Amino acid sequence: MPRTYRKAELWAGVTAVGYIREQTGTHGDTTVKAGGVTAAQVTCPVTAIANFTNGDPVFIGANEQMEFNQIEAAPADPMPLKYPTFRAHD
């Protein structure tokens, strides 16, 4: 299930710990298209898909509205997500 960054809420009831390292070399970098993404959506409209691969971690949103997800299949527009989005993003 995707989680959001909401200060201490993220750490309440921790049952597992993992880590993410930035990929070396060229990695994907894109933005959400105008119109954004709604809550509970399993795809995200993006401006570019170059250098993304299946299984890459993705961060959607910014600051306290940011959530973590993962690419579920071959990158495309819209980007297929492993988990439904938690909230809407512009």
N, C-alpha and C. Protein backbone atom coordinates (compact mmCIF):
# COMPACT_ATOMS: atom_id res chain seq x y z
N MET A 1 0.85 -1.18 0.00
CA MET A 1 0.00 0.00 0.00
C MET A 1 0.89 1.23 0.00
N PRO A 2 0.55 2.27 -0.80
CA PRO A 2 1.38 3.46 -0.82
C PRO A 2 1.26 4.19 0.50
N ARG A 3 2.30 4.87 0.88
CA ARG A 3 2.30 5.64 2.11
C ARG A 3 2.60 7.10 1.79
N THR A 4 2.11 7.99 2.60
CA THR A 4 2.37 9.41 2.42
C THR A 4 3.36 9.88 3.48
N TYR A 5 3.99 10.99 3.19
CA TYR A 5 4.92 11.60 4.14
C TYR A 5 4.16 12.61 4.96
N ARG A 6 3.78 12.25 6.16
CA ARG A 6 3.04 13.15 7.03
C ARG A 6 3.68 13.17 8.40
N LYS A 7 4.90 13.64 8.46
CA LYS A 7 5.65 13.77 9.71
C LYS A 7 5.68 12.44 10.45
N ALA A 8 5.30 12.41 11.72
CA ALA A 8 5.43 11.20 12.53
C ALA A 8 4.45 10.09 12.12
N GLU A 9 3.39 10.44 11.39
CA GLU A 9 2.41 9.41 11.01
C GLU A 9 3.06 8.28 10.23
N LEU A 10 4.05 8.63 9.42
CA LEU A 10 4.72 7.62 8.61
C LEU A 10 5.36 6.54 9.47
N TRP A 11 5.80 6.87 10.65
CA TRP A 11 6.54 5.93 11.50
C TRP A 11 5.65 5.21 12.51
N ALA A 12 4.38 5.52 12.58
CA ALA A 12 3.49 4.86 13.52
C ALA A 12 3.24 3.42 13.06
N GLY A 13 3.48 2.47 13.92
CA GLY A 13 3.20 1.07 13.63
C GLY A 13 4.09 0.47 12.55
N VAL A 14 5.38 0.76 12.58
CA VAL A 14 6.31 0.22 11.57
C VAL A 14 6.39 -1.29 11.70
N THR A 15 6.18 -1.99 10.58
CA THR A 15 6.26 -3.45 10.59
C THR A 15 7.39 -3.97 9.70
N ALA A 16 7.93 -3.11 8.84
CA ALA A 16 9.03 -3.50 7.96
C ALA A 16 9.81 -2.26 7.56
N VAL A 17 11.07 -2.45 7.25
CA VAL A 17 11.93 -1.33 6.85
C VAL A 17 12.65 -1.70 5.56
N GLY A 18 12.70 -0.79 4.63
CA GLY A 18 13.44 -0.97 3.38
C GLY A 18 14.18 0.31 3.07
N TYR A 19 14.92 0.30 1.99
CA TYR A 19 15.60 1.54 1.62
C TYR A 19 15.63 1.67 0.10
N ILE A 20 15.80 2.90 -0.35
CA ILE A 20 15.86 3.20 -1.77
C ILE A 20 17.13 4.00 -2.01
N ARG A 21 17.90 3.58 -3.01
CA ARG A 21 19.07 4.36 -3.43
C ARG A 21 18.80 4.93 -4.80
N GLU A 22 19.33 6.12 -5.03
CA GLU A 22 19.20 6.69 -6.36
C GLU A 22 19.98 5.83 -7.34
N GLN A 23 19.40 5.60 -8.49
CA GLN A 23 20.03 4.79 -9.52
C GLN A 23 21.26 5.51 -10.07
N THR A 24 22.32 4.77 -10.32
CA THR A 24 23.50 5.37 -10.93
C THR A 24 23.29 5.49 -12.43
N GLY A 25 24.00 6.37 -13.06
CA GLY A 25 23.85 6.57 -14.50
C GLY A 25 22.61 7.40 -14.80
N THR A 26 22.05 7.20 -15.97
CA THR A 26 20.87 7.96 -16.38
C THR A 26 19.61 7.31 -15.83
N HIS A 27 18.79 8.09 -15.16
CA HIS A 27 17.55 7.57 -14.60
C HIS A 27 16.38 8.44 -15.05
N GLY A 28 15.19 7.92 -14.87
CA GLY A 28 14.00 8.64 -15.30
C GLY A 28 13.72 9.88 -14.45
N ASP A 29 13.18 10.89 -15.08
CA ASP A 29 12.81 12.13 -14.41
C ASP A 29 11.67 12.74 -15.21
N THR A 30 10.53 12.97 -14.57
CA THR A 30 9.38 13.49 -15.29
C THR A 30 8.48 14.26 -14.34
N THR A 31 7.42 14.85 -14.86
CA THR A 31 6.42 15.54 -14.06
C THR A 31 5.03 15.03 -14.44
N VAL A 32 4.09 15.25 -13.54
CA VAL A 32 2.70 14.88 -13.80
C VAL A 32 2.11 15.90 -14.76
N LYS A 33 1.37 15.43 -15.76
CA LYS A 33 0.76 16.32 -16.75
C LYS A 33 -0.29 17.22 -16.10
N ALA A 34 -0.60 18.31 -16.80
CA ALA A 34 -1.66 19.22 -16.36
C ALA A 34 -2.94 18.42 -16.19
N GLY A 35 -3.68 18.72 -15.18
CA GLY A 35 -4.90 17.95 -14.88
C GLY A 35 -4.66 16.97 -13.75
N GLY A 36 -3.39 16.60 -13.55
CA GLY A 36 -2.99 15.78 -12.42
C GLY A 36 -3.53 14.37 -12.41
N VAL A 37 -3.55 13.83 -11.22
CA VAL A 37 -4.00 12.45 -10.99
C VAL A 37 -4.99 12.48 -9.82
N THR A 38 -6.03 11.68 -9.90
CA THR A 38 -7.03 11.63 -8.83
C THR A 38 -6.67 10.55 -7.81
N ALA A 39 -7.32 10.60 -6.68
CA ALA A 39 -7.11 9.57 -5.66
C ALA A 39 -7.61 8.22 -6.18
N ALA A 40 -6.99 7.16 -5.74
CA ALA A 40 -7.35 5.77 -6.08
C ALA A 40 -7.13 5.43 -7.55
N GLN A 41 -6.26 6.16 -8.22
CA GLN A 41 -5.95 5.89 -9.62
C GLN A 41 -4.72 4.98 -9.71
N VAL A 42 -4.69 4.05 -10.67
CA VAL A 42 -3.56 3.13 -10.82
C VAL A 42 -2.68 3.49 -12.02
N THR A 43 -2.94 4.64 -12.61
CA THR A 43 -2.06 5.18 -13.64
C THR A 43 -1.86 6.66 -13.35
N CYS A 44 -0.76 7.21 -13.86
CA CYS A 44 -0.43 8.61 -13.64
C CYS A 44 0.02 9.22 -14.96
N PRO A 45 -0.69 10.25 -15.47
CA PRO A 45 -0.28 10.87 -16.73
C PRO A 45 1.02 11.66 -16.53
N VAL A 46 2.03 11.35 -17.33
CA VAL A 46 3.34 11.97 -17.18
C VAL A 46 3.80 12.61 -18.48
N THR A 47 4.76 13.54 -18.38
CA THR A 47 5.24 14.25 -19.57
C THR A 47 6.33 13.48 -20.31
N ALA A 48 7.00 12.54 -19.66
CA ALA A 48 8.06 11.76 -20.32
C ALA A 48 8.19 10.39 -19.68
N ILE A 49 8.64 9.39 -20.45
CA ILE A 49 8.83 8.04 -19.91
C ILE A 49 10.25 7.51 -20.14
N ALA A 50 11.12 8.33 -20.72
CA ALA A 50 12.48 7.90 -21.02
C ALA A 50 13.23 7.50 -19.76
N ASN A 51 13.98 6.42 -19.84
CA ASN A 51 14.87 5.92 -18.78
C ASN A 51 14.16 5.36 -17.56
N PHE A 52 12.87 5.10 -17.64
CA PHE A 52 12.16 4.40 -16.57
C PHE A 52 12.08 2.92 -16.93
N THR A 53 12.04 2.06 -15.91
CA THR A 53 11.87 0.62 -16.14
C THR A 53 10.83 0.07 -15.18
N ASN A 54 10.29 -1.09 -15.49
CA ASN A 54 9.34 -1.77 -14.62
C ASN A 54 9.98 -1.97 -13.24
N GLY A 55 9.26 -1.63 -12.19
CA GLY A 55 9.75 -1.81 -10.83
C GLY A 55 10.44 -0.59 -10.24
N ASP A 56 10.69 0.45 -11.05
CA ASP A 56 11.33 1.66 -10.51
C ASP A 56 10.45 2.31 -9.46
N PRO A 57 11.05 2.82 -8.39
CA PRO A 57 10.27 3.58 -7.41
C PRO A 57 9.94 4.96 -7.99
N VAL A 58 8.79 5.50 -7.63
CA VAL A 58 8.40 6.84 -8.05
C VAL A 58 7.82 7.60 -6.86
N PHE A 59 8.08 8.88 -6.84
CA PHE A 59 7.51 9.78 -5.85
C PHE A 59 6.55 10.70 -6.56
N ILE A 60 5.33 10.80 -6.07
CA ILE A 60 4.30 11.64 -6.68
C ILE A 60 3.94 12.72 -5.68
N GLY A 61 3.93 13.97 -6.14
CA GLY A 61 3.59 15.09 -5.27
C GLY A 61 4.84 15.72 -4.67
N ALA A 62 4.63 16.60 -3.71
CA ALA A 62 5.74 17.32 -3.08
C ALA A 62 5.42 17.59 -1.61
N ASN A 63 6.48 17.78 -0.85
CA ASN A 63 6.39 18.13 0.57
C ASN A 63 5.51 17.14 1.34
N GLU A 64 4.58 17.63 2.15
CA GLU A 64 3.76 16.73 2.96
C GLU A 64 2.71 15.99 2.14
N GLN A 65 2.54 16.34 0.89
CA GLN A 65 1.57 15.66 0.03
C GLN A 65 2.22 14.55 -0.79
N MET A 66 3.53 14.34 -0.63
CA MET A 66 4.25 13.35 -1.43
C MET A 66 3.86 11.93 -1.02
N GLU A 67 3.79 11.07 -2.03
CA GLU A 67 3.57 9.65 -1.75
C GLU A 67 4.53 8.82 -2.60
N PHE A 68 4.81 7.64 -2.13
CA PHE A 68 5.72 6.71 -2.78
C PHE A 68 4.91 5.64 -3.48
N ASN A 69 5.35 5.26 -4.68
CA ASN A 69 4.69 4.20 -5.41
C ASN A 69 5.75 3.48 -6.23
N GLN A 70 5.34 2.63 -7.13
CA GLN A 70 6.28 1.85 -7.95
C GLN A 70 5.66 1.63 -9.32
N ILE A 71 6.50 1.63 -10.36
CA ILE A 71 6.01 1.36 -11.70
C ILE A 71 5.67 -0.13 -11.78
N GLU A 72 4.48 -0.45 -12.31
CA GLU A 72 3.97 -1.82 -12.29
C GLU A 72 4.28 -2.61 -13.55
N ALA A 73 4.45 -1.96 -14.68
CA ALA A 73 4.66 -2.67 -15.95
C ALA A 73 5.59 -1.82 -16.82
N ALA A 74 5.64 -2.14 -18.09
CA ALA A 74 6.47 -1.35 -19.00
C ALA A 74 6.03 0.11 -18.95
N PRO A 75 6.97 1.03 -18.78
CA PRO A 75 6.62 2.45 -18.71
C PRO A 75 5.86 2.92 -19.96
N ALA A 76 4.83 3.69 -19.74
CA ALA A 76 4.01 4.24 -20.82
C ALA A 76 3.37 5.52 -20.29
N ASP A 77 2.66 6.23 -21.14
CA ASP A 77 1.89 7.37 -20.69
C ASP A 77 0.42 7.03 -20.91
N PRO A 78 -0.37 6.89 -19.86
CA PRO A 78 -0.04 7.14 -18.47
C PRO A 78 0.82 6.04 -17.84
N MET A 79 1.59 6.43 -16.82
CA MET A 79 2.50 5.51 -16.14
C MET A 79 1.71 4.52 -15.29
N PRO A 80 1.89 3.21 -15.49
CA PRO A 80 1.17 2.21 -14.69
C PRO A 80 1.78 2.12 -13.27
N LEU A 81 0.94 2.22 -12.26
CA LEU A 81 1.40 2.21 -10.86
C LEU A 81 1.03 0.89 -10.18
N LYS A 82 1.87 0.45 -9.27
CA LYS A 82 1.64 -0.79 -8.54
C LYS A 82 0.47 -0.67 -7.57
N TYR A 83 0.35 0.49 -6.94
CA TYR A 83 -0.70 0.71 -5.94
C TYR A 83 -1.57 1.90 -6.35
N PRO A 84 -2.85 1.89 -5.99
CA PRO A 84 -3.68 3.07 -6.26
C PRO A 84 -3.15 4.28 -5.51
N THR A 85 -3.25 5.45 -6.11
CA THR A 85 -2.78 6.67 -5.43
C THR A 85 -3.61 6.93 -4.18
N PHE A 86 -2.97 7.48 -3.19
CA PHE A 86 -3.62 7.74 -1.91
C PHE A 86 -4.48 9.01 -1.96
N ARG A 87 -4.00 10.00 -2.70
CA ARG A 87 -4.70 11.29 -2.80
C ARG A 87 -4.53 11.86 -4.20
N ALA A 88 -5.29 12.93 -4.48
CA ALA A 88 -5.19 13.62 -5.77
C ALA A 88 -3.94 14.51 -5.79
N HIS A 89 -3.31 14.62 -6.96
CA HIS A 89 -2.13 15.47 -7.15
C HIS A 89 -2.33 16.31 -8.39
N ASP A 90 -1.94 17.58 -8.32
CA ASP A 90 -2.03 18.48 -9.48
C ASP A 90 -0.82 18.35 -10.34
